[in-house]
PDB file of N, CA and C in Angstrom:
ATOM      1  N   MET A   1     -30.689   0.409 -22.991  1.00  0.00           N
ATOM      2  CA  MET A   1     -30.223   1.070 -21.796  1.00  0.00           C
ATOM      3  C   MET A   1     -30.533   2.562 -21.909  1.00  0.00           C
ATOM      4  N   ASP A   2     -31.127   3.109 -20.876  1.00  0.00           N
ATOM      5  CA  ASP A   2     -31.417   4.538 -20.939  1.00  0.00           C
ATOM      6  C   ASP A   2     -30.174   5.349 -20.570  1.00  0.00           C
ATOM      7  N   LYS A   3     -30.300   6.638 -20.770  1.00  0.00           N
ATOM      8  CA  LYS A   3     -29.152   7.529 -20.614  1.00  0.00           C
ATOM      9  C   LYS A   3     -28.651   7.563 -19.162  1.00  0.00           C
ATOM     10  N   TYR A   4     -29.569   7.573 -18.207  1.00  0.00           N
ATOM     11  CA  TYR A   4     -29.175   7.628 -16.796  1.00  0.00           C
ATOM     12  C   TYR A   4     -28.339   6.413 -16.401  1.00  0.00           C
ATOM     13  N   THR A   5     -28.778   5.243 -16.788  1.00  0.00           N
ATOM     14  CA  THR A   5     -28.058   4.021 -16.438  1.00  0.00           C
ATOM     15  C   THR A   5     -26.686   3.985 -17.093  1.00  0.00           C
ATOM     16  N   LEU A   6     -26.615   4.441 -18.330  1.00  0.00           N
ATOM     17  CA  LEU A   6     -25.338   4.481 -19.032  1.00  0.00           C
ATOM     18  C   LEU A   6     -24.356   5.425 -18.340  1.00  0.00           C
ATOM     19  N   LEU A   7     -24.828   6.622 -17.984  1.00  0.00           N
ATOM     20  CA  LEU A   7     -23.954   7.578 -17.302  1.00  0.00           C
ATOM     21  C   LEU A   7     -23.570   7.089 -15.905  1.00  0.00           C
ATOM     22  N   ARG A   8     -24.481   6.424 -15.232  1.00  0.00           N
ATOM     23  CA  ARG A   8     -24.176   5.903 -13.902  1.00  0.00           C
ATOM     24  C   ARG A   8     -23.129   4.796 -13.978  1.00  0.00           C
ATOM     25  N   ASP A   9     -23.246   3.918 -14.928  1.00  0.00           N
ATOM     26  CA  ASP A   9     -22.247   2.859 -15.095  1.00  0.00           C
ATOM     27  C   ASP A   9     -20.881   3.436 -15.436  1.00  0.00           C
ATOM     28  N   PHE A  10     -20.865   4.470 -16.274  1.00  0.00           N
ATOM     29  CA  PHE A  10     -19.599   5.117 -16.631  1.00  0.00           C
ATOM     30  C   PHE A  10     -18.975   5.782 -15.404  1.00  0.00           C
ATOM     31  N   ALA A  11     -19.788   6.481 -14.609  1.00  0.00           N
ATOM     32  CA  ALA A  11     -19.266   7.162 -13.422  1.00  0.00           C
ATOM     33  C   ALA A  11     -18.777   6.163 -12.385  1.00  0.00           C
ATOM     34  N   ASP A  12     -19.449   5.032 -12.281  1.00  0.00           N
ATOM     35  CA  ASP A  12     -19.030   4.021 -11.306  1.00  0.00           C
ATOM     36  C   ASP A  12     -17.676   3.419 -11.646  1.00  0.00           C
ATOM     37  N   SER A  13     -17.377   3.272 -12.906  1.00  0.00           N
ATOM     38  CA  SER A  13     -16.127   2.616 -13.276  1.00  0.00           C
ATOM     39  C   SER A  13     -15.036   3.629 -13.617  1.00  0.00           C
ATOM     40  N   TRP A  14     -15.193   4.345 -14.700  1.00  0.00           N
ATOM     41  CA  TRP A  14     -14.147   5.243 -15.180  1.00  0.00           C
ATOM     42  C   TRP A  14     -14.109   6.564 -14.414  1.00  0.00           C
ATOM     43  N   GLY A  15     -15.232   7.009 -13.901  1.00  0.00           N
ATOM     44  CA  GLY A  15     -15.250   8.251 -13.126  1.00  0.00           C
ATOM     45  C   GLY A  15     -14.436   8.136 -11.853  1.00  0.00           C
ATOM     46  N   LEU A  16     -14.591   7.018 -11.169  1.00  0.00           N
ATOM     47  CA  LEU A  16     -13.812   6.790  -9.955  1.00  0.00           C
ATOM     48  C   LEU A  16     -12.323   6.708 -10.269  1.00  0.00           C
ATOM     49  N   LEU A  17     -11.982   6.056 -11.344  1.00  0.00           N
ATOM     50  CA  LEU A  17     -10.581   5.954 -11.745  1.00  0.00           C
ATOM     51  C   LEU A  17     -10.011   7.331 -12.096  1.00  0.00           C
ATOM     52  N   ALA A  18     -10.791   8.152 -12.785  1.00  0.00           N
ATOM     53  CA  ALA A  18     -10.328   9.495 -13.146  1.00  0.00           C
ATOM     54  C   ALA A  18     -10.148  10.367 -11.906  1.00  0.00           C
ATOM     55  N   MET A  19     -11.082  10.296 -10.967  1.00  0.00           N
ATOM     56  CA  MET A  19     -10.947  11.085  -9.738  1.00  0.00           C
ATOM     57  C   MET A  19      -9.740  10.637  -8.919  1.00  0.00           C
ATOM     58  N   MET A  20      -9.471   9.357  -8.878  1.00  0.00           N
ATOM     59  CA  MET A  20      -8.307   8.847  -8.155  1.00  0.00           C
ATOM     60  C   MET A  20      -7.017   9.318  -8.824  1.00  0.00           C
ATOM     61  N   ALA A  21      -6.984   9.333 -10.144  1.00  0.00           N
ATOM     62  CA  ALA A  21      -5.796   9.796 -10.866  1.00  0.00           C
ATOM     63  C   ALA A  21      -5.546  11.279 -10.606  1.00  0.00           C
ATOM     64  N   VAL A  22      -6.596  12.088 -10.615  1.00  0.00           N
ATOM     65  CA  VAL A  22      -6.443  13.520 -10.331  1.00  0.00           C
ATOM     66  C   VAL A  22      -5.954  13.719  -8.902  1.00  0.00           C
ATOM     67  N   PHE A  23      -6.502  12.979  -7.960  1.00  0.00           N
ATOM     68  CA  PHE A  23      -6.077  13.082  -6.568  1.00  0.00           C
ATOM     69  C   PHE A  23      -4.598  12.739  -6.414  1.00  0.00           C
ATOM     70  N   LEU A  24      -4.158  11.678  -7.056  1.00  0.00           N
ATOM     71  CA  LEU A  24      -2.752  11.287  -6.966  1.00  0.00           C
ATOM     72  C   LEU A  24      -1.839  12.310  -7.630  1.00  0.00           C
ATOM     73  N   LEU A  25      -2.274  12.888  -8.742  1.00  0.00           N
ATOM     74  CA  LEU A  25      -1.476  13.932  -9.392  1.00  0.00           C
ATOM     75  C   LEU A  25      -1.350  15.166  -8.507  1.00  0.00           C
ATOM     76  N   VAL A  26      -2.407  15.537  -7.814  1.00  0.00           N
ATOM     77  CA  VAL A  26      -2.343  16.678  -6.898  1.00  0.00           C
ATOM     78  C   VAL A  26      -1.384  16.381  -5.749  1.00  0.00           C
ATOM     79  N   LEU A  27      -1.423  15.169  -5.226  1.00  0.00           N
ATOM     80  CA  LEU A  27      -0.488  14.798  -4.161  1.00  0.00           C
ATOM     81  C   LEU A  27       0.959  14.845  -4.633  1.00  0.00           C
ATOM     82  N   VAL A  28       1.218  14.317  -5.808  1.00  0.00           N
ATOM     83  CA  VAL A  28       2.580  14.333  -6.352  1.00  0.00           C
ATOM     84  C   VAL A  28       3.041  15.769  -6.570  1.00  0.00           C
ATOM     85  N   PHE A  29       2.160  16.620  -7.069  1.00  0.00           N
ATOM     86  CA  PHE A  29       2.525  18.018  -7.302  1.00  0.00           C
ATOM     87  C   PHE A  29       2.798  18.741  -5.984  1.00  0.00           C
ATOM     88  N   ALA A  30       1.998  18.485  -4.966  1.00  0.00           N
ATOM     89  CA  ALA A  30       2.160  19.183  -3.690  1.00  0.00           C
ATOM     90  C   ALA A  30       3.419  18.745  -2.950  1.00  0.00           C
ATOM     91  N   PHE A  31       3.785  17.481  -3.058  1.00  0.00           N
ATOM     92  CA  PHE A  31       4.927  16.961  -2.313  1.00  0.00           C
ATOM     93  C   PHE A  31       6.150  16.717  -3.188  1.00  0.00           C
ATOM     94  N   ARG A  32       6.238  17.410  -4.313  1.00  0.00           N
ATOM     95  CA  ARG A  32       7.384  17.225  -5.199  1.00  0.00           C
ATOM     96  C   ARG A  32       8.639  17.811  -4.555  1.00  0.00           C
ATOM     97  N   ARG A  33       9.783  17.365  -5.037  1.00  0.00           N
ATOM     98  CA  ARG A  33      11.052  17.861  -4.514  1.00  0.00           C
ATOM     99  C   ARG A  33      11.228  19.323  -4.894  1.00  0.00           C
ATOM    100  N   GLY A  34      11.785  20.091  -3.985  1.00  0.00           N
ATOM    101  CA  GLY A  34      12.071  21.487  -4.259  1.00  0.00           C
ATOM    102  C   GLY A  34      10.908  22.424  -4.010  1.00  0.00           C
ATOM    103  N   SER A  35       9.765  21.921  -3.609  1.00  0.00           N
ATOM    104  CA  SER A  35       8.622  22.805  -3.396  1.00  0.00           C
ATOM    105  C   SER A  35       8.495  23.260  -1.950  1.00  0.00           C
ATOM    106  N   SER A  36       9.346  22.778  -1.073  1.00  0.00           N
ATOM    107  CA  SER A  36       9.214  23.144   0.341  1.00  0.00           C
ATOM    108  C   SER A  36       9.477  24.634   0.555  1.00  0.00           C
ATOM    109  N   GLY A  37      10.391  25.209  -0.201  1.00  0.00           N
ATOM    110  CA  GLY A  37      10.647  26.641  -0.076  1.00  0.00           C
ATOM    111  C   GLY A  37       9.443  27.474  -0.469  1.00  0.00           C
ATOM    112  N   ILE A  38       8.767  27.067  -1.519  1.00  0.00           N
ATOM    113  CA  ILE A  38       7.568  27.778  -1.965  1.00  0.00           C
ATOM    114  C   ILE A  38       6.463  27.653  -0.924  1.00  0.00           C
ATOM    115  N   HIS A  39       6.294  26.447  -0.369  1.00  0.00           N
ATOM    116  CA  HIS A  39       5.256  26.238   0.637  1.00  0.00           C
ATOM    117  C   HIS A  39       5.576  27.002   1.927  1.00  0.00           C
ATOM    118  N   ASN A  40       6.831  27.036   2.326  1.00  0.00           N
ATOM    119  CA  ASN A  40       7.208  27.793   3.527  1.00  0.00           C
ATOM    120  C   ASN A  40       6.982  29.280   3.331  1.00  0.00           C
ATOM    121  N   ASP A  41       7.297  29.792   2.151  1.00  0.00           N
ATOM    122  CA  ASP A  41       7.075  31.200   1.859  1.00  0.00           C
ATOM    123  C   ASP A  41       5.588  31.531   1.903  1.00  0.00           C
ATOM    124  N   ALA A  42       4.761  30.690   1.323  1.00  0.00           N
ATOM    125  CA  ALA A  42       3.317  30.928   1.334  1.00  0.00           C
ATOM    126  C   ALA A  42       2.751  30.812   2.747  1.00  0.00           C
ATOM    127  N   ALA A  43       3.297  29.920   3.559  1.00  0.00           N
ATOM    128  CA  ALA A  43       2.803  29.749   4.924  1.00  0.00           C
ATOM    129  C   ALA A  43       3.146  30.940   5.805  1.00  0.00           C
ATOM    130  N   ASN A  44       4.219  31.650   5.498  1.00  0.00           N
ATOM    131  CA  ASN A  44       4.654  32.769   6.328  1.00  0.00           C
ATOM    132  C   ASN A  44       4.105  34.113   5.886  1.00  0.00           C
ATOM    133  N   ILE A  45       3.289  34.166   4.867  1.00  0.00           N
ATOM    134  CA  ILE A  45       2.733  35.438   4.396  1.00  0.00           C
ATOM    135  C   ILE A  45       1.958  36.163   5.501  1.00  0.00           C
ATOM    136  N   PRO A  46       1.076  35.502   6.259  1.00  0.00           N
ATOM    137  CA  PRO A  46       0.345  36.233   7.302  1.00  0.00           C
ATOM    138  C   PRO A  46       1.230  36.722   8.445  1.00  0.00           C
ATOM    139  N   LEU A  47       2.395  36.132   8.622  1.00  0.00           N
ATOM    140  CA  LEU A  47       3.261  36.486   9.740  1.00  0.00           C
ATOM    141  C   LEU A  47       4.223  37.615   9.413  1.00  0.00           C
ATOM    142  N   ARG A  48       4.266  38.031   8.177  1.00  0.00           N
ATOM    143  CA  ARG A  48       5.171  39.119   7.811  1.00  0.00           C
ATOM    144  C   ARG A  48       4.643  40.421   8.382  1.00  0.00           C
ATOM    145  N   GLY A  49       5.532  41.174   8.995  1.00  0.00           N
ATOM    146  CA  GLY A  49       5.119  42.430   9.597  1.00  0.00           C
ATOM    147  C   GLY A  49       5.411  43.601   8.682  1.00  0.00           C
ATOM    148  N   GLY A  50       4.773  44.722   8.974  1.00  0.00           N
ATOM    149  CA  GLY A  50       5.041  45.939   8.230  1.00  0.00           C
ATOM    150  C   GLY A  50       4.230  46.059   6.962  1.00  0.00           C
ATOM    151  N   ASP A  51       4.434  47.195   6.318  1.00  0.00           N
ATOM    152  CA  ASP A  51       3.715  47.482   5.084  1.00  0.00           C
ATOM    153  C   ASP A  51       4.619  47.417   3.873  1.00  0.00           C
ATOM    154  N   ASN A  52       5.723  46.705   3.970  1.00  0.00           N
ATOM    155  CA  ASN A  52       6.666  46.613   2.872  1.00  0.00           C
ATOM    156  C   ASN A  52       6.119  45.647   1.822  1.00  0.00           C
ATOM    157  N   LEU A  53       5.579  46.178   0.756  1.00  0.00           N
ATOM    158  CA  LEU A  53       4.984  45.350  -0.282  1.00  0.00           C
ATOM    159  C   LEU A  53       6.020  44.766  -1.228  1.00  0.00           C
ATOM    160  N   GLU A  54       7.227  45.299  -1.213  1.00  0.00           N
ATOM    161  CA  GLU A  54       8.256  44.785  -2.117  1.00  0.00           C
ATOM    162  C   GLU A  54       8.602  43.335  -1.793  1.00  0.00           C
ATOM    163  N   ASP A  55       8.586  42.967  -0.525  1.00  0.00           N
ATOM    164  CA  ASP A  55       8.860  41.575  -0.156  1.00  0.00           C
ATOM    165  C   ASP A  55       7.742  40.650  -0.610  1.00  0.00           C
ATOM    166  N   ASP A  56       6.498  41.148  -0.611  1.00  0.00           N
ATOM    167  CA  ASP A  56       5.363  40.314  -0.993  1.00  0.00           C
ATOM    168  C   ASP A  56       5.278  40.086  -2.489  1.00  0.00           C
ATOM    169  N   VAL A  57       5.757  41.026  -3.280  1.00  0.00           N
ATOM    170  CA  VAL A  57       5.633  40.889  -4.731  1.00  0.00           C
ATOM    171  C   VAL A  57       6.957  40.545  -5.393  1.00  0.00           C
ATOM    172  N   LYS A  58       7.928  40.097  -4.620  1.00  0.00           N
ATOM    173  CA  LYS A  58       9.225  39.793  -5.218  1.00  0.00           C
ATOM    174  C   LYS A  58       9.172  38.574  -6.124  1.00  0.00           C
ATOM    175  N   HIS A  59       8.164  37.706  -5.938  1.00  0.00           N
ATOM    176  CA  HIS A  59       8.060  36.495  -6.749  1.00  0.00           C
ATOM    177  C   HIS A  59       7.234  36.704  -8.008  1.00  0.00           C
ATOM    178  N   VAL A  60       6.598  37.853  -8.156  1.00  0.00           N
ATOM    179  CA  VAL A  60       5.765  38.113  -9.330  1.00  0.00           C
ATOM    180  C   VAL A  60       6.648  38.696 -10.421  1.00  0.00           C
ATOM    181  N   SER A  61       6.584  38.104 -11.587  1.00  0.00           N
ATOM    182  CA  SER A  61       7.404  38.610 -12.683  1.00  0.00           C
ATOM    183  C   SER A  61       6.790  39.893 -13.233  1.00  0.00           C
ATOM    184  N   PRO A  62       7.603  40.803 -13.745  1.00  0.00           N
ATOM    185  CA  PRO A  62       7.075  42.068 -14.267  1.00  0.00           C
ATOM    186  C   PRO A  62       6.136  41.882 -15.451  1.00  0.00           C
ATOM    187  N   ALA A  63       6.287  40.798 -16.196  1.00  0.00           N
ATOM    188  CA  ALA A  63       5.426  40.599 -17.359  1.00  0.00           C
ATOM    189  C   ALA A  63       3.989  40.294 -16.951  1.00  0.00           C
ATOM    190  N   LYS A  64       3.781  39.760 -15.754  1.00  0.00           N
ATOM    191  CA  LYS A  64       2.437  39.387 -15.326  1.00  0.00           C
ATOM    192  C   LYS A  64       1.715  40.506 -14.587  1.00  0.00           C
ATOM    193  N   THR A  65       2.415  41.578 -14.238  1.00  0.00           N
ATOM    194  CA  THR A  65       1.751  42.677 -13.558  1.00  0.00           C
ATOM    195  C   THR A  65       0.996  43.515 -14.574  1.00  0.00           C
ATOM    196  N   PRO A  66      -0.167  44.033 -14.206  1.00  0.00           N
ATOM    197  CA  PRO A  66      -0.931  44.837 -15.161  1.00  0.00           C
ATOM    198  C   PRO A  66      -0.221  46.155 -15.441  1.00  0.00           C
ATOM    199  N   PRO A  67      -0.384  46.682 -16.630  1.00  0.00           N
ATOM    200  CA  PRO A  67       0.272  47.949 -16.954  1.00  0.00           C
ATOM    201  C   PRO A  67      -0.323  49.087 -16.132  1.00  0.00           C
ATOM    202  N   LYS A  68       0.524  50.047 -15.810  1.00  0.00           N
ATOM    203  CA  LYS A  68       0.064  51.194 -15.033  1.00  0.00           C
ATOM    204  C   LYS A  68      -0.736  52.121 -15.934  1.00  0.00           C
ATOM    205  N   LYS A  69      -1.831  52.626 -15.392  1.00  0.00           N
ATOM    206  CA  LYS A  69      -2.680  53.537 -16.151  1.00  0.00           C
ATOM    207  C   LYS A  69      -2.281  54.965 -15.835  1.00  0.00           C
ATOM    208  N   GLU A  70      -2.343  55.797 -16.849  1.00  0.00           N
ATOM    209  CA  GLU A  70      -2.017  57.197 -16.654  1.00  0.00           C
ATOM    210  C   GLU A  70      -3.241  57.929 -16.126  1.00  0.00           C
ATOM    211  N   ALA A  71      -2.987  58.840 -15.193  1.00  0.00           N
ATOM    212  CA  ALA A  71      -4.082  59.636 -14.649  1.00  0.00           C
ATOM    213  C   ALA A  71      -4.396  60.775 -15.605  1.00  0.00           C
ATOM    214  N   ARG A  72      -5.664  60.991 -15.824  1.00  0.00           N
ATOM    215  CA  ARG A  72      -6.078  62.091 -16.703  1.00  0.00           C
ATOM    216  C   ARG A  72      -6.362  63.324 -15.860  1.00  0.00           C
ATOM    217  N   PRO A  73      -5.952  64.502 -16.364  1.00  0.00           N
ATOM    218  CA  PRO A  73      -6.188  65.742 -15.590  1.00  0.00           C
ATOM    219  C   PRO A  73      -7.644  66.150 -15.575  1.00  0.00           C
TER     220      PRO A  73
END
């Protein structure tokens, strides 16, 4: 059996199963309990008015923000 046929047979059987498993995991993650608040918050980002950035970054933890750089004279 040449390499192409071997890879094609693998993709036909196990590849399809792997893609289906990933798809189902994404669905379970998206529709899990307790995630509706997060999805509603993300859906309303474009509708927020004003330039108040504090509301937009309230969910970002301080440890994940990049350190502030000092300005050199």
